[in-house]
Amino acid sequence: MTAQTPEISAGADVPGSLLTALAPPGLFPSLAGNWRWTEGGIFSLWTDAIVLFN
């Protein structure tokens, strides 16, 4: 029995990556109730960098 490698399409990860990149910057400030929260924006970008480039 031979193992088959699954075919990977180029656009398969795009929706998940977009959701991962856009959810924290929208979620953290909205939960805090302040869209001008600088530290929350920095934290969101840091979270995106860790998740997307890990």
N, C-alpha and C. Protein backbone atom coordinates (compact mmCIF):
# COMPACT_ATOMS: atom_id res chain seq x y z
N MET A 1 0.85 -1.17 0.00
CA MET A 1 0.00 0.00 0.00
C MET A 1 0.90 1.23 0.00
N THR A 2 0.65 2.13 -0.90
CA THR A 2 1.47 3.34 -1.00
C THR A 2 0.71 4.54 -0.46
N ALA A 3 1.46 5.42 0.13
CA ALA A 3 0.86 6.65 0.67
C ALA A 3 0.75 7.68 -0.44
N GLN A 4 -0.39 8.30 -0.52
CA GLN A 4 -0.60 9.35 -1.51
C GLN A 4 -0.52 10.71 -0.83
N THR A 5 0.15 11.63 -1.49
CA THR A 5 0.22 12.98 -0.95
C THR A 5 -0.99 13.76 -1.45
N PRO A 6 -1.64 14.50 -0.58
CA PRO A 6 -2.82 15.26 -1.00
C PRO A 6 -2.41 16.43 -1.90
N GLU A 7 -3.28 16.73 -2.84
CA GLU A 7 -3.02 17.88 -3.70
C GLU A 7 -3.35 19.16 -2.93
N ILE A 8 -2.47 20.12 -3.04
CA ILE A 8 -2.65 21.40 -2.35
C ILE A 8 -2.92 22.47 -3.38
N SER A 9 -4.06 23.13 -3.25
CA SER A 9 -4.35 24.21 -4.18
C SER A 9 -3.77 25.51 -3.65
N ALA A 10 -3.45 26.41 -4.55
CA ALA A 10 -2.79 27.66 -4.17
C ALA A 10 -3.68 28.55 -3.31
N GLY A 11 -4.98 28.51 -3.51
CA GLY A 11 -5.87 29.40 -2.77
C GLY A 11 -6.55 28.76 -1.59
N ALA A 12 -6.11 27.60 -1.18
CA ALA A 12 -6.80 26.88 -0.09
C ALA A 12 -6.64 27.58 1.25
N ASP A 13 -5.52 28.20 1.50
CA ASP A 13 -5.26 28.81 2.80
C ASP A 13 -5.60 30.29 2.86
N VAL A 14 -6.02 30.87 1.76
CA VAL A 14 -6.28 32.31 1.71
C VAL A 14 -7.42 32.73 2.64
N PRO A 15 -8.59 32.08 2.63
CA PRO A 15 -9.66 32.52 3.55
C PRO A 15 -9.27 32.42 5.02
N GLY A 16 -8.61 31.35 5.40
CA GLY A 16 -8.18 31.20 6.78
C GLY A 16 -7.15 32.23 7.18
N SER A 17 -6.23 32.53 6.27
CA SER A 17 -5.21 33.53 6.55
C SER A 17 -5.83 34.92 6.68
N LEU A 18 -6.79 35.24 5.83
CA LEU A 18 -7.45 36.53 5.92
C LEU A 18 -8.23 36.66 7.22
N LEU A 19 -8.91 35.59 7.60
CA LEU A 19 -9.65 35.63 8.86
C LEU A 19 -8.71 35.81 10.03
N THR A 20 -7.60 35.11 10.00
CA THR A 20 -6.61 35.22 11.07
C THR A 20 -6.00 36.62 11.12
N ALA A 21 -5.79 37.22 9.96
CA ALA A 21 -5.17 38.53 9.91
C ALA A 21 -6.14 39.66 10.27
N LEU A 22 -7.42 39.48 10.01
CA LEU A 22 -8.38 40.56 10.23
C LEU A 22 -9.17 40.45 11.52
N ALA A 23 -9.28 39.27 12.09
CA ALA A 23 -10.08 39.09 13.30
C ALA A 23 -9.49 39.79 14.52
N PRO A 24 -8.22 39.59 14.88
CA PRO A 24 -7.71 40.25 16.09
C PRO A 24 -7.76 41.78 16.04
N PRO A 25 -7.37 42.42 14.93
CA PRO A 25 -7.45 43.90 14.93
C PRO A 25 -8.88 44.42 15.07
N GLY A 26 -9.86 43.66 14.67
CA GLY A 26 -11.24 44.09 14.85
C GLY A 26 -11.83 43.65 16.17
N LEU A 27 -11.38 42.52 16.65
CA LEU A 27 -11.96 41.95 17.86
C LEU A 27 -11.46 42.61 19.14
N PHE A 28 -10.16 42.80 19.27
CA PHE A 28 -9.60 43.34 20.50
C PHE A 28 -10.11 44.76 20.81
N PRO A 29 -10.06 45.70 19.88
CA PRO A 29 -10.57 47.05 20.21
C PRO A 29 -12.08 47.08 20.43
N SER A 30 -12.81 46.23 19.72
CA SER A 30 -14.27 46.23 19.92
C SER A 30 -14.63 45.68 21.30
N LEU A 31 -13.90 44.68 21.76
CA LEU A 31 -14.15 44.16 23.10
C LEU A 31 -13.73 45.16 24.18
N ALA A 32 -12.70 45.95 23.89
CA ALA A 32 -12.25 46.95 24.85
C ALA A 32 -13.18 48.16 24.86
N GLY A 33 -13.94 48.37 23.77
CA GLY A 33 -14.86 49.49 23.70
C GLY A 33 -14.18 50.79 23.30
N ASN A 34 -12.95 50.71 22.79
CA ASN A 34 -12.21 51.91 22.43
C ASN A 34 -11.40 51.63 21.17
N TRP A 35 -11.78 52.22 20.05
CA TRP A 35 -11.09 51.99 18.78
C TRP A 35 -9.78 52.76 18.68
N ARG A 36 -9.50 53.67 19.61
CA ARG A 36 -8.25 54.43 19.59
C ARG A 36 -7.25 53.88 20.59
N TRP A 37 -7.39 52.63 20.96
CA TRP A 37 -6.54 51.96 21.93
C TRP A 37 -5.24 51.56 21.25
N THR A 38 -4.19 52.34 21.44
CA THR A 38 -2.93 52.12 20.76
C THR A 38 -2.29 50.80 21.13
N GLU A 39 -2.28 50.49 22.42
CA GLU A 39 -1.67 49.24 22.86
C GLU A 39 -2.40 48.02 22.29
N GLY A 40 -3.71 48.14 22.15
CA GLY A 40 -4.49 47.05 21.55
C GLY A 40 -4.15 46.85 20.09
N GLY A 41 -3.91 47.95 19.38
CA GLY A 41 -3.50 47.84 17.99
C GLY A 41 -2.13 47.20 17.84
N ILE A 42 -1.22 47.58 18.71
CA ILE A 42 0.12 46.98 18.68
C ILE A 42 0.02 45.49 19.02
N PHE A 43 -0.77 45.16 20.03
CA PHE A 43 -0.95 43.76 20.40
C PHE A 43 -1.57 42.96 19.24
N SER A 44 -2.53 43.55 18.55
CA SER A 44 -3.17 42.88 17.42
C SER A 44 -2.17 42.61 16.30
N LEU A 45 -1.35 43.60 15.99
CA LEU A 45 -0.34 43.40 14.95
C LEU A 45 0.70 42.37 15.37
N TRP A 46 1.08 42.39 16.62
CA TRP A 46 2.03 41.40 17.13
C TRP A 46 1.42 40.00 17.06
N THR A 47 0.16 39.86 17.42
CA THR A 47 -0.52 38.58 17.33
C THR A 47 -0.58 38.10 15.89
N ASP A 48 -0.90 39.00 14.96
CA ASP A 48 -0.92 38.64 13.54
C ASP A 48 0.44 38.15 13.08
N ALA A 49 1.47 38.85 13.44
CA ALA A 49 2.83 38.46 13.02
C ALA A 49 3.18 37.09 13.54
N ILE A 50 2.87 36.81 14.79
CA ILE A 50 3.21 35.51 15.37
C ILE A 50 2.41 34.40 14.69
N VAL A 51 1.13 34.60 14.50
CA VAL A 51 0.27 33.55 13.94
C VAL A 51 0.58 33.32 12.46
N LEU A 52 0.71 34.39 11.69
CA LEU A 52 0.86 34.24 10.24
C LEU A 52 2.27 33.81 9.82
N PHE A 53 3.27 34.17 10.59
CA PHE A 53 4.64 33.85 10.19
C PHE A 53 5.25 32.71 10.98
N ASN A 54 4.46 32.04 11.79
CA ASN A 54 4.96 30.92 12.56
C ASN A 54 4.83 29.63 11.80
